[in-house]
Amino acid sequence: MTIRKFGAYGTSTSRPSNLVVLQSDLDIAQRFTSLDRTTPCTVRNGSIAQALGITQSPGINPDALNRGSQIDEQMTRVEIDLMQIEYSTDTTGYSKSSLIVAGTLAVQHRTAFSISLILSNSGIFRERDVLPRAHPNDGYLDVLEIGPKITLRQRSLAWRRSRTGSHLPHPHLQVSRSSEYQWSGRPSKIVADGVTYRGVVWFQCKVLADAMTLYF
């Protein structure tokens, strides 16, 4: 079956009686790193929820996810990929750290208007559809590289148009897809699932396919 964002996929199943409600992309990543991967989970907010249609579909009420189990209640079980990041703040490259990202990672130098790179599993960044082809279970991370020659006016216009995914193609926005990606540059902030890591000079990202199971 072709997998595409906002499209139907997954398996219909009864609601698990011990369903855990997560609140964000960060919660998904933390659940994975906690090694508690057998307890069934759903998610209410964040870019993964938006990509799956949980936060925008009129037929899905996120508050209803907190209800107790009902005998005949049906849900959809899906697998999602995650991104494994190895990064360094050390210019020698000897000292490295790692983290798991569920939704999106951005590289910025100072402010949000200096973002130069976005890696995404969901395609959603700050509720905008910045990478329209992305899907959280296609085995790829989607990459948006923002060229250094783009003007502030062009950035602003592209950001407004990203509400509908109509900002592409653009001469200063380069899109690619891969199962792995590596970046290096001057010390920068990376913002991963809303958490900021400062002084990063290098990172490598790879896709962890089918890493988590979610219900909605």
N, C-alpha and C. Protein backbone atom coordinates (compact mmCIF):
# COMPACT_ATOMS: atom_id res chain seq x y z
N MET A 1 0.84 -1.20 0.00
CA MET A 1 0.00 0.00 0.00
C MET A 1 0.87 1.24 0.00
N THR A 2 0.53 2.22 -0.82
CA THR A 2 1.25 3.48 -0.83
C THR A 2 0.98 4.24 0.46
N ILE A 3 2.05 4.69 1.08
CA ILE A 3 1.92 5.44 2.33
C ILE A 3 2.13 6.91 2.03
N ARG A 4 1.17 7.73 2.39
CA ARG A 4 1.32 9.16 2.20
C ARG A 4 0.72 9.90 3.39
N LYS A 5 1.22 11.10 3.63
CA LYS A 5 0.76 11.88 4.77
C LYS A 5 -0.73 12.17 4.67
N PHE A 6 -1.42 12.10 5.80
CA PHE A 6 -2.86 12.32 5.93
C PHE A 6 -3.68 11.21 5.29
N GLY A 7 -3.04 10.21 4.71
CA GLY A 7 -3.77 9.11 4.11
C GLY A 7 -4.02 8.00 5.12
N ALA A 8 -4.94 7.11 4.79
CA ALA A 8 -5.28 6.01 5.69
C ALA A 8 -4.23 4.90 5.60
N TYR A 9 -3.80 4.42 6.73
CA TYR A 9 -2.96 3.23 6.78
C TYR A 9 -3.05 2.67 8.18
N GLY A 10 -2.54 1.47 8.38
CA GLY A 10 -2.62 0.86 9.69
C GLY A 10 -3.63 -0.27 9.73
N THR A 11 -3.84 -0.78 10.95
CA THR A 11 -4.71 -1.93 11.17
C THR A 11 -5.78 -1.58 12.18
N SER A 12 -7.02 -1.89 11.85
CA SER A 12 -8.11 -1.66 12.79
C SER A 12 -8.06 -2.69 13.91
N THR A 13 -8.24 -2.22 15.14
CA THR A 13 -8.14 -3.10 16.30
C THR A 13 -8.95 -2.53 17.45
N SER A 14 -9.23 -3.34 18.44
CA SER A 14 -9.95 -2.86 19.63
C SER A 14 -9.02 -1.99 20.47
N ARG A 15 -9.62 -1.04 21.16
CA ARG A 15 -8.84 -0.15 22.03
C ARG A 15 -8.21 -0.94 23.17
N PRO A 16 -6.88 -0.84 23.34
CA PRO A 16 -6.24 -1.53 24.47
C PRO A 16 -6.74 -0.98 25.81
N SER A 17 -6.90 -1.85 26.77
CA SER A 17 -7.40 -1.41 28.07
C SER A 17 -6.38 -0.59 28.85
N ASN A 18 -5.10 -0.77 28.53
CA ASN A 18 -4.03 -0.06 29.25
C ASN A 18 -3.38 1.03 28.40
N LEU A 19 -4.16 1.66 27.53
CA LEU A 19 -3.63 2.66 26.61
C LEU A 19 -3.08 3.87 27.37
N VAL A 20 -1.86 4.27 27.04
CA VAL A 20 -1.22 5.44 27.63
C VAL A 20 -1.34 6.61 26.67
N VAL A 21 -1.77 7.77 27.18
CA VAL A 21 -1.93 8.96 26.35
C VAL A 21 -0.70 9.85 26.47
N LEU A 22 0.05 9.97 25.37
CA LEU A 22 1.20 10.87 25.33
C LEU A 22 0.75 12.23 24.82
N GLN A 23 1.53 13.27 25.13
CA GLN A 23 1.10 14.64 24.84
C GLN A 23 1.86 15.32 23.71
N SER A 24 2.97 14.73 23.25
CA SER A 24 3.81 15.45 22.29
C SER A 24 4.77 14.51 21.58
N ASP A 25 5.46 15.07 20.57
CA ASP A 25 6.55 14.33 19.91
C ASP A 25 7.62 13.93 20.92
N LEU A 26 7.95 14.87 21.82
CA LEU A 26 8.98 14.59 22.82
C LEU A 26 8.59 13.41 23.70
N ASP A 27 7.31 13.31 24.06
CA ASP A 27 6.85 12.18 24.86
C ASP A 27 7.06 10.86 24.12
N ILE A 28 6.83 10.87 22.80
CA ILE A 28 7.05 9.65 22.01
C ILE A 28 8.51 9.24 22.08
N ALA A 29 9.41 10.21 21.86
CA ALA A 29 10.85 9.91 21.89
C ALA A 29 11.28 9.42 23.26
N GLN A 30 10.76 10.04 24.32
CA GLN A 30 11.14 9.65 25.67
C GLN A 30 10.58 8.27 26.02
N ARG A 31 9.40 7.96 25.50
CA ARG A 31 8.85 6.62 25.73
C ARG A 31 9.74 5.56 25.10
N PHE A 32 10.26 5.84 23.91
CA PHE A 32 11.16 4.91 23.24
C PHE A 32 12.45 4.74 24.03
N THR A 33 13.04 5.82 24.48
CA THR A 33 14.31 5.72 25.20
C THR A 33 14.14 5.13 26.60
N SER A 34 12.92 5.17 27.13
CA SER A 34 12.68 4.57 28.45
C SER A 34 12.66 3.05 28.39
N LEU A 35 12.65 2.51 27.18
CA LEU A 35 12.63 1.07 26.92
C LEU A 35 11.28 0.43 27.24
N ASP A 36 10.28 1.26 27.60
CA ASP A 36 8.92 0.74 27.79
C ASP A 36 8.20 0.82 26.46
N ARG A 37 8.45 -0.13 25.58
CA ARG A 37 7.92 -0.09 24.23
C ARG A 37 6.77 -1.07 24.02
N THR A 38 6.39 -1.77 25.09
CA THR A 38 5.31 -2.75 24.95
C THR A 38 3.95 -2.19 25.37
N THR A 39 3.95 -1.19 26.26
CA THR A 39 2.68 -0.59 26.67
C THR A 39 2.09 0.20 25.51
N PRO A 40 0.84 -0.06 25.11
CA PRO A 40 0.25 0.65 23.98
C PRO A 40 0.07 2.13 24.26
N CYS A 41 0.35 2.97 23.24
CA CYS A 41 0.34 4.41 23.41
C CYS A 41 -0.45 5.08 22.29
N THR A 42 -0.99 6.24 22.61
CA THR A 42 -1.51 7.16 21.61
C THR A 42 -0.88 8.52 21.90
N VAL A 43 -1.12 9.49 21.02
CA VAL A 43 -0.55 10.83 21.23
C VAL A 43 -1.60 11.86 20.86
N ARG A 44 -1.69 12.92 21.65
CA ARG A 44 -2.73 13.92 21.45
C ARG A 44 -2.27 15.09 20.60
N ASN A 45 -1.03 15.55 20.80
CA ASN A 45 -0.55 16.77 20.17
C ASN A 45 0.82 16.55 19.55
N GLY A 46 1.27 17.55 18.78
CA GLY A 46 2.58 17.50 18.17
C GLY A 46 2.50 17.17 16.69
N SER A 47 3.68 17.14 16.05
CA SER A 47 3.71 16.99 14.60
C SER A 47 3.31 15.58 14.14
N ILE A 48 3.63 14.55 14.94
CA ILE A 48 3.21 13.20 14.57
C ILE A 48 1.69 13.10 14.62
N ALA A 49 1.08 13.63 15.68
CA ALA A 49 -0.38 13.63 15.77
C ALA A 49 -1.00 14.38 14.61
N GLN A 50 -0.39 15.50 14.22
CA GLN A 50 -0.92 16.27 13.10
C GLN A 50 -0.78 15.51 11.78
N ALA A 51 0.37 14.86 11.58
CA ALA A 51 0.58 14.10 10.35
C ALA A 51 -0.37 12.91 10.24
N LEU A 52 -0.73 12.32 11.40
CA LEU A 52 -1.67 11.21 11.39
C LEU A 52 -3.12 11.66 11.33
N GLY A 53 -3.35 12.98 11.43
CA GLY A 53 -4.70 13.50 11.36
C GLY A 53 -5.43 13.57 12.68
N ILE A 54 -4.75 13.27 13.79
CA ILE A 54 -5.41 13.24 15.09
C ILE A 54 -5.82 14.63 15.53
N THR A 55 -4.99 15.64 15.29
CA THR A 55 -5.26 16.98 15.80
C THR A 55 -6.03 17.85 14.85
N GLN A 56 -6.32 17.37 13.63
CA GLN A 56 -7.02 18.24 12.71
C GLN A 56 -8.27 17.61 12.10
N SER A 57 -8.45 16.31 12.27
CA SER A 57 -9.62 15.68 11.68
C SER A 57 -10.86 15.95 12.51
N PRO A 58 -11.97 16.44 11.91
CA PRO A 58 -13.18 16.70 12.67
C PRO A 58 -13.81 15.43 13.21
N GLY A 59 -13.40 14.27 12.68
CA GLY A 59 -13.96 13.02 13.16
C GLY A 59 -13.25 12.44 14.35
N ILE A 60 -12.15 13.07 14.77
CA ILE A 60 -11.38 12.57 15.90
C ILE A 60 -11.35 13.62 17.00
N ASN A 61 -11.81 13.27 18.17
CA ASN A 61 -11.78 14.17 19.32
C ASN A 61 -10.64 13.75 20.23
N PRO A 62 -9.53 14.52 20.28
CA PRO A 62 -8.39 14.10 21.10
C PRO A 62 -8.75 13.89 22.56
N ASP A 63 -9.71 14.67 23.09
CA ASP A 63 -10.09 14.51 24.49
C ASP A 63 -10.70 13.14 24.76
N ALA A 64 -11.30 12.56 23.71
CA ALA A 64 -11.91 11.25 23.89
C ALA A 64 -10.88 10.16 24.12
N LEU A 65 -9.62 10.45 23.81
CA LEU A 65 -8.58 9.44 24.01
C LEU A 65 -8.35 9.14 25.48
N ASN A 66 -8.81 10.03 26.37
CA ASN A 66 -8.64 9.82 27.80
C ASN A 66 -9.75 8.97 28.41
N ARG A 67 -10.75 8.59 27.62
CA ARG A 67 -11.85 7.81 28.15
C ARG A 67 -11.38 6.43 28.58
N GLY A 68 -12.18 5.83 29.42
CA GLY A 68 -11.93 4.44 29.76
C GLY A 68 -12.26 3.55 28.58
N SER A 69 -11.75 2.35 28.59
CA SER A 69 -11.95 1.45 27.47
C SER A 69 -13.42 1.08 27.33
N GLN A 70 -13.88 1.01 26.08
CA GLN A 70 -15.21 0.54 25.77
C GLN A 70 -15.09 -0.75 24.98
N ILE A 71 -16.03 -1.67 25.21
CA ILE A 71 -15.93 -3.00 24.64
C ILE A 71 -15.83 -2.97 23.12
N ASP A 72 -16.68 -2.13 22.50
CA ASP A 72 -16.75 -2.14 21.04
C ASP A 72 -15.96 -1.01 20.39
N GLU A 73 -15.14 -0.30 21.15
CA GLU A 73 -14.42 0.82 20.58
C GLU A 73 -13.27 0.33 19.70
N GLN A 74 -13.21 0.84 18.48
CA GLN A 74 -12.17 0.48 17.53
C GLN A 74 -11.18 1.61 17.36
N MET A 75 -9.91 1.24 17.24
CA MET A 75 -8.86 2.21 16.99
C MET A 75 -8.03 1.71 15.81
N THR A 76 -7.11 2.55 15.35
CA THR A 76 -6.17 2.16 14.30
C THR A 76 -4.78 2.02 14.90
N ARG A 77 -4.15 0.90 14.64
CA ARG A 77 -2.78 0.68 15.12
C ARG A 77 -1.82 0.91 13.95
N VAL A 78 -0.81 1.76 14.19
CA VAL A 78 0.16 2.07 13.15
C VAL A 78 1.57 1.98 13.72
N GLU A 79 2.52 1.76 12.86
CA GLU A 79 3.93 1.87 13.23
C GLU A 79 4.46 3.20 12.73
N ILE A 80 5.37 3.80 13.48
CA ILE A 80 6.03 5.02 13.03
C ILE A 80 7.53 4.85 13.14
N ASP A 81 8.25 5.57 12.29
CA ASP A 81 9.70 5.62 12.36
C ASP A 81 10.12 6.66 13.39
N LEU A 82 11.35 6.57 13.83
CA LEU A 82 11.97 7.59 14.67
C LEU A 82 13.32 7.94 14.06
N MET A 83 13.90 9.05 14.51
CA MET A 83 15.22 9.47 14.05
C MET A 83 16.23 9.34 15.19
N GLN A 84 17.31 8.65 14.93
CA GLN A 84 18.40 8.53 15.90
C GLN A 84 19.48 9.54 15.54
N ILE A 85 19.81 10.41 16.48
CA ILE A 85 20.77 11.49 16.25
C ILE A 85 22.01 11.26 17.10
N GLU A 86 23.16 11.31 16.47
CA GLU A 86 24.44 11.35 17.18
C GLU A 86 25.04 12.70 16.88
N TYR A 87 25.41 13.48 17.92
CA TYR A 87 25.86 14.85 17.69
C TYR A 87 27.05 15.19 18.58
N SER A 88 27.73 16.29 18.20
CA SER A 88 28.91 16.72 18.95
C SER A 88 28.94 18.24 19.06
N THR A 89 29.38 18.71 20.22
CA THR A 89 29.66 20.14 20.42
C THR A 89 31.17 20.37 20.48
N ASP A 90 31.90 19.32 20.20
CA ASP A 90 33.36 19.34 20.26
C ASP A 90 33.91 19.38 18.83
N THR A 91 34.68 20.41 18.50
CA THR A 91 35.18 20.56 17.14
C THR A 91 36.16 19.44 16.75
N THR A 92 36.72 18.76 17.74
CA THR A 92 37.62 17.63 17.42
C THR A 92 36.83 16.39 17.01
N GLY A 93 35.55 16.36 17.41
CA GLY A 93 34.69 15.23 17.05
C GLY A 93 34.84 14.02 17.93
N TYR A 94 35.64 14.10 19.01
CA TYR A 94 35.85 12.94 19.86
C TYR A 94 34.72 12.76 20.88
N SER A 95 34.12 13.86 21.31
CA SER A 95 33.06 13.78 22.30
C SER A 95 31.71 13.83 21.60
N LYS A 96 30.89 12.78 21.78
CA LYS A 96 29.62 12.69 21.09
C LYS A 96 28.50 12.34 22.07
N SER A 97 27.31 12.79 21.73
CA SER A 97 26.11 12.46 22.51
C SER A 97 25.06 11.96 21.53
N SER A 98 23.99 11.41 22.06
CA SER A 98 22.95 10.88 21.19
C SER A 98 21.57 11.20 21.74
N LEU A 99 20.59 11.22 20.88
CA LEU A 99 19.21 11.43 21.27
C LEU A 99 18.30 10.83 20.22
N ILE A 100 17.03 10.66 20.59
CA ILE A 100 15.99 10.16 19.69
C ILE A 100 15.03 11.31 19.40
N VAL A 101 14.67 11.46 18.14
CA VAL A 101 13.71 12.49 17.72
C VAL A 101 12.53 11.81 17.05
N ALA A 102 11.33 12.20 17.46
CA ALA A 102 10.13 11.62 16.86
C ALA A 102 9.62 12.44 15.69
N GLY A 103 9.65 13.77 15.84
CA GLY A 103 9.02 14.63 14.85
C GLY A 103 9.97 15.38 13.94
N THR A 104 10.58 16.46 14.48
CA THR A 104 11.35 17.36 13.62
C THR A 104 12.56 17.92 14.35
N LEU A 105 13.64 18.11 13.61
CA LEU A 105 14.86 18.75 14.11
C LEU A 105 15.19 19.92 13.19
N ALA A 106 15.53 21.07 13.79
CA ALA A 106 15.92 22.25 13.01
C ALA A 106 17.26 22.77 13.48
N VAL A 107 18.04 23.29 12.54
CA VAL A 107 19.32 23.92 12.85
C VAL A 107 19.14 25.42 12.67
N GLN A 108 19.47 26.20 13.72
CA GLN A 108 19.38 27.65 13.60
C GLN A 108 20.59 28.28 14.27
N HIS A 109 21.00 29.44 13.74
CA HIS A 109 22.22 30.07 14.25
C HIS A 109 21.93 31.03 15.41
N ARG A 110 20.90 31.85 15.28
CA ARG A 110 20.58 32.77 16.38
C ARG A 110 19.08 32.72 16.69
N THR A 111 18.29 33.29 15.81
CA THR A 111 16.85 33.35 16.03
C THR A 111 16.15 32.34 15.12
N ALA A 112 14.82 32.25 15.27
CA ALA A 112 14.04 31.34 14.44
C ALA A 112 14.11 31.71 12.97
N PHE A 113 14.43 32.99 12.66
CA PHE A 113 14.53 33.42 11.27
C PHE A 113 15.88 33.06 10.66
N SER A 114 16.77 32.45 11.45
CA SER A 114 18.07 32.04 10.90
C SER A 114 18.15 30.53 10.74
N ILE A 115 17.01 29.86 10.68
CA ILE A 115 16.99 28.41 10.45
C ILE A 115 17.60 28.10 9.08
N SER A 116 18.51 27.17 9.06
CA SER A 116 19.17 26.82 7.80
C SER A 116 18.86 25.40 7.34
N LEU A 117 18.31 24.57 8.24
CA LEU A 117 18.10 23.17 7.90
C LEU A 117 16.97 22.61 8.76
N ILE A 118 16.10 21.83 8.14
CA ILE A 118 15.04 21.12 8.86
C ILE A 118 15.06 19.66 8.43
N LEU A 119 15.15 18.77 9.41
CA LEU A 119 14.99 17.33 9.17
C LEU A 119 13.68 16.91 9.81
N SER A 120 12.88 16.14 9.11
CA SER A 120 11.59 15.80 9.68
C SER A 120 11.15 14.40 9.34
N ASN A 121 10.54 13.77 10.34
CA ASN A 121 9.88 12.49 10.17
C ASN A 121 8.41 12.69 9.82
N SER A 122 7.84 13.78 10.30
CA SER A 122 6.41 14.05 10.10
C SER A 122 6.14 14.99 8.94
N GLY A 123 7.12 15.86 8.62
CA GLY A 123 6.91 16.90 7.62
C GLY A 123 6.35 18.18 8.19
N ILE A 124 6.00 18.15 9.48
CA ILE A 124 5.37 19.30 10.13
C ILE A 124 6.38 20.01 11.02
N PHE A 125 6.46 21.32 10.90
CA PHE A 125 7.32 22.13 11.76
C PHE A 125 6.53 23.36 12.22
N ARG A 126 6.34 23.46 13.53
CA ARG A 126 5.54 24.55 14.10
C ARG A 126 4.18 24.64 13.43
N GLU A 127 3.58 23.47 13.27
CA GLU A 127 2.24 23.29 12.71
C GLU A 127 2.15 23.64 11.23
N ARG A 128 3.30 23.87 10.57
CA ARG A 128 3.31 24.17 9.14
C ARG A 128 3.74 22.93 8.36
N ASP A 129 3.18 22.77 7.17
CA ASP A 129 3.47 21.62 6.32
C ASP A 129 4.70 21.92 5.48
N VAL A 130 5.88 21.92 6.12
CA VAL A 130 7.09 22.37 5.44
C VAL A 130 7.66 21.33 4.48
N LEU A 131 7.34 20.07 4.70
CA LEU A 131 7.83 18.99 3.83
C LEU A 131 6.64 18.12 3.44
N PRO A 132 5.91 18.53 2.42
CA PRO A 132 4.62 17.90 2.11
C PRO A 132 4.69 16.42 1.78
N ARG A 133 5.84 15.92 1.32
CA ARG A 133 5.92 14.50 0.94
C ARG A 133 6.22 13.58 2.12
N ALA A 134 6.55 14.15 3.26
CA ALA A 134 6.98 13.34 4.40
C ALA A 134 5.82 12.51 4.96
N HIS A 135 6.17 11.36 5.51
CA HIS A 135 5.22 10.50 6.20
C HIS A 135 5.97 9.81 7.33
N PRO A 136 5.36 9.68 8.51
CA PRO A 136 6.09 9.12 9.67
C PRO A 136 6.38 7.64 9.59
N ASN A 137 6.01 6.96 8.50
CA ASN A 137 6.31 5.54 8.41
C ASN A 137 6.69 5.13 6.99
N ASP A 138 7.47 5.98 6.32
CA ASP A 138 7.89 5.64 4.96
C ASP A 138 9.35 5.21 4.87
N GLY A 139 10.04 5.15 6.04
CA GLY A 139 11.42 4.71 6.05
C GLY A 139 12.43 5.77 5.69
N TYR A 140 11.95 7.02 5.52
CA TYR A 140 12.84 8.12 5.14
C TYR A 140 12.70 9.29 6.11
N LEU A 141 13.75 10.09 6.24
CA LEU A 141 13.65 11.40 6.84
C LEU A 141 13.67 12.39 5.68
N ASP A 142 12.88 13.43 5.79
CA ASP A 142 12.80 14.45 4.75
C ASP A 142 13.60 15.66 5.18
N VAL A 143 14.33 16.25 4.24
CA VAL A 143 15.30 17.30 4.53
C VAL A 143 14.94 18.57 3.75
N LEU A 144 14.89 19.69 4.46
CA LEU A 144 14.70 21.00 3.83
C LEU A 144 15.92 21.85 4.14
N GLU A 145 16.72 22.15 3.11
CA GLU A 145 17.89 23.00 3.26
C GLU A 145 17.54 24.41 2.76
N ILE A 146 17.78 25.40 3.61
CA ILE A 146 17.44 26.79 3.30
C ILE A 146 18.72 27.50 2.90
N GLY A 147 18.78 27.94 1.65
CA GLY A 147 19.99 28.53 1.10
C GLY A 147 20.40 29.81 1.78
N PRO A 148 21.70 30.07 1.88
CA PRO A 148 22.19 31.27 2.58
C PRO A 148 21.85 32.57 1.86
N LYS A 149 21.50 32.51 0.58
CA LYS A 149 21.20 33.72 -0.17
C LYS A 149 19.73 34.14 -0.10
N ILE A 150 18.92 33.37 0.60
CA ILE A 150 17.51 33.72 0.70
C ILE A 150 17.34 35.00 1.52
N THR A 151 16.50 35.90 1.07
CA THR A 151 16.31 37.17 1.77
C THR A 151 15.27 37.01 2.87
N LEU A 152 15.24 37.97 3.77
CA LEU A 152 14.27 37.94 4.86
C LEU A 152 12.84 37.98 4.31
N ARG A 153 12.64 38.76 3.25
CA ARG A 153 11.32 38.84 2.63
C ARG A 153 10.91 37.50 2.04
N GLN A 154 11.86 36.83 1.38
CA GLN A 154 11.57 35.52 0.79
C GLN A 154 11.30 34.48 1.87
N ARG A 155 12.04 34.56 2.97
CA ARG A 155 11.79 33.66 4.10
C ARG A 155 10.37 33.85 4.63
N SER A 156 10.00 35.11 4.82
CA SER A 156 8.68 35.41 5.37
C SER A 156 7.57 34.92 4.46
N LEU A 157 7.74 35.12 3.16
CA LEU A 157 6.74 34.68 2.20
C LEU A 157 6.64 33.15 2.17
N ALA A 158 7.79 32.47 2.17
CA ALA A 158 7.78 31.01 2.16
C ALA A 158 7.15 30.46 3.43
N TRP A 159 7.41 31.12 4.56
CA TRP A 159 6.83 30.68 5.83
C TRP A 159 5.31 30.80 5.81
N ARG A 160 4.80 31.90 5.26
CA ARG A 160 3.35 32.07 5.16
C ARG A 160 2.73 31.02 4.25
N ARG A 161 3.40 30.74 3.14
CA ARG A 161 2.86 29.79 2.17
C ARG A 161 2.97 28.35 2.66
N SER A 162 3.84 28.11 3.65
CA SER A 162 4.00 26.75 4.16
C SER A 162 2.76 26.27 4.92
N ARG A 163 1.85 27.17 5.24
CA ARG A 163 0.59 26.75 5.88
C ARG A 163 -0.15 25.74 5.00
N THR A 164 -0.03 25.92 3.70
CA THR A 164 -0.73 25.04 2.76
C THR A 164 0.22 24.16 1.96
N GLY A 165 1.50 24.19 2.28
CA GLY A 165 2.47 23.39 1.56
C GLY A 165 2.79 23.92 0.17
N SER A 166 2.42 25.18 -0.10
CA SER A 166 2.60 25.75 -1.44
C SER A 166 3.89 26.55 -1.57
N HIS A 167 4.81 26.42 -0.61
CA HIS A 167 6.08 27.16 -0.65
C HIS A 167 7.11 26.49 -1.55
N LEU A 168 6.81 25.28 -2.03
CA LEU A 168 7.73 24.54 -2.90
C LEU A 168 7.11 24.37 -4.29
N PRO A 169 7.96 24.37 -5.35
CA PRO A 169 9.42 24.55 -5.34
C PRO A 169 9.81 26.01 -5.13
N HIS A 170 11.06 26.21 -4.73
CA HIS A 170 11.59 27.55 -4.46
C HIS A 170 13.09 27.51 -4.76
N PRO A 171 13.65 28.52 -5.40
CA PRO A 171 15.07 28.46 -5.79
C PRO A 171 16.04 28.38 -4.62
N HIS A 172 15.62 28.82 -3.43
CA HIS A 172 16.52 28.79 -2.27
C HIS A 172 16.14 27.72 -1.25
N LEU A 173 15.18 26.87 -1.59
CA LEU A 173 14.76 25.79 -0.70
C LEU A 173 15.00 24.47 -1.42
N GLN A 174 15.90 23.67 -0.87
CA GLN A 174 16.25 22.38 -1.49
C GLN A 174 15.71 21.25 -0.63
N VAL A 175 14.96 20.35 -1.27
CA VAL A 175 14.33 19.24 -0.56
C VAL A 175 14.95 17.93 -1.01
N SER A 176 15.20 17.04 -0.05
CA SER A 176 15.72 15.72 -0.37
C SER A 176 15.16 14.72 0.63
N ARG A 177 15.36 13.43 0.34
CA ARG A 177 14.90 12.36 1.22
C ARG A 177 16.01 11.32 1.33
N SER A 178 16.14 10.75 2.54
CA SER A 178 17.20 9.77 2.74
C SER A 178 16.93 8.99 4.01
N SER A 179 17.57 7.86 4.14
CA SER A 179 17.49 7.11 5.40
C SER A 179 18.57 7.55 6.38
N GLU A 180 19.57 8.32 5.87
CA GLU A 180 20.63 8.86 6.72
C GLU A 180 21.00 10.26 6.24
N TYR A 181 21.49 11.08 7.18
CA TYR A 181 21.90 12.44 6.80
C TYR A 181 22.97 12.90 7.78
N GLN A 182 23.95 13.63 7.26
CA GLN A 182 25.02 14.16 8.11
C GLN A 182 25.20 15.65 7.85
N TRP A 183 25.43 16.40 8.93
CA TRP A 183 25.62 17.85 8.84
C TRP A 183 26.81 18.25 9.69
N SER A 184 27.53 19.30 9.26
CA SER A 184 28.56 19.92 10.09
C SER A 184 28.62 21.40 9.72
N GLY A 185 29.04 22.22 10.67
CA GLY A 185 29.09 23.66 10.42
C GLY A 185 29.51 24.41 11.67
N ARG A 186 29.33 25.73 11.63
CA ARG A 186 29.70 26.53 12.79
C ARG A 186 28.77 26.20 13.97
N PRO A 187 29.22 26.46 15.21
CA PRO A 187 28.39 26.13 16.37
C PRO A 187 26.99 26.73 16.25
N SER A 188 25.98 25.88 16.37
CA SER A 188 24.60 26.28 16.15
C SER A 188 23.70 25.63 17.18
N LYS A 189 22.48 26.15 17.25
CA LYS A 189 21.44 25.50 18.04
C LYS A 189 20.78 24.43 17.17
N ILE A 190 20.52 23.28 17.75
CA ILE A 190 19.57 22.37 17.11
C ILE A 190 18.36 22.27 18.04
N VAL A 191 17.20 22.34 17.44
CA VAL A 191 15.95 22.25 18.19
C VAL A 191 15.28 20.95 17.77
N ALA A 192 15.26 19.99 18.68
CA ALA A 192 14.75 18.65 18.38
C ALA A 192 13.52 18.37 19.22
N ASP A 193 12.37 18.19 18.57
CA ASP A 193 11.10 17.99 19.28
C ASP A 193 10.88 19.06 20.34
N GLY A 194 11.29 20.30 20.01
CA GLY A 194 11.06 21.43 20.91
C GLY A 194 12.14 21.66 21.94
N VAL A 195 13.12 20.78 22.04
CA VAL A 195 14.21 20.93 23.02
C VAL A 195 15.44 21.47 22.31
N THR A 196 16.09 22.49 22.91
CA THR A 196 17.23 23.16 22.30
C THR A 196 18.56 22.59 22.82
N TYR A 197 19.45 22.30 21.90
CA TYR A 197 20.81 21.86 22.21
C TYR A 197 21.75 22.88 21.58
N ARG A 198 22.63 23.48 22.36
CA ARG A 198 23.45 24.60 21.89
C ARG A 198 24.87 24.17 21.54
N GLY A 199 25.46 24.93 20.64
CA GLY A 199 26.86 24.73 20.30
C GLY A 199 27.16 23.48 19.50
N VAL A 200 26.18 22.97 18.79
CA VAL A 200 26.37 21.75 18.01
C VAL A 200 27.15 22.07 16.73
N VAL A 201 28.18 21.30 16.45
CA VAL A 201 29.00 21.53 15.25
C VAL A 201 28.91 20.38 14.25
N TRP A 202 28.32 19.27 14.69
CA TRP A 202 28.22 18.10 13.81
C TRP A 202 27.11 17.20 14.32
N PHE A 203 26.37 16.61 13.40
CA PHE A 203 25.47 15.54 13.79
C PHE A 203 25.24 14.59 12.62
N GLN A 204 24.87 13.38 12.98
CA GLN A 204 24.50 12.37 12.00
C GLN A 204 23.14 11.81 12.40
N CYS A 205 22.27 11.66 11.44
CA CYS A 205 20.91 11.18 11.69
C CYS A 205 20.64 9.94 10.85
N LYS A 206 19.99 8.96 11.44
CA LYS A 206 19.54 7.81 10.66
C LYS A 206 18.14 7.41 11.11
N VAL A 207 17.40 6.83 10.20
CA VAL A 207 16.02 6.43 10.46
C VAL A 207 15.98 5.09 11.18
N LEU A 208 15.16 5.03 12.24
CA LEU A 208 14.84 3.77 12.90
C LEU A 208 13.45 3.37 12.42
N ALA A 209 13.40 2.48 11.46
CA ALA A 209 12.12 2.12 10.84
C ALA A 209 11.25 1.31 11.79
N ASP A 210 9.93 1.62 11.78
CA ASP A 210 8.94 0.88 12.58
C ASP A 210 9.34 0.82 14.05
N ALA A 211 9.87 1.92 14.57
CA ALA A 211 10.42 1.90 15.93
C ALA A 211 9.36 1.90 17.02
N MET A 212 8.20 2.52 16.76
CA MET A 212 7.15 2.64 17.77
C MET A 212 5.79 2.28 17.16
N THR A 213 4.93 1.77 18.02
CA THR A 213 3.54 1.50 17.62
C THR A 213 2.64 2.50 18.34
N LEU A 214 1.73 3.11 17.59
CA LEU A 214 0.78 4.06 18.15
C LEU A 214 -0.64 3.63 17.79
N TYR A 215 -1.59 4.06 18.63
CA TYR A 215 -3.01 3.82 18.39
C TYR A 215 -3.71 5.16 18.30
N PHE A 216 -4.69 5.25 17.42
CA PHE A 216 -5.52 6.46 17.38
C PHE A 216 -6.90 6.14 16.82
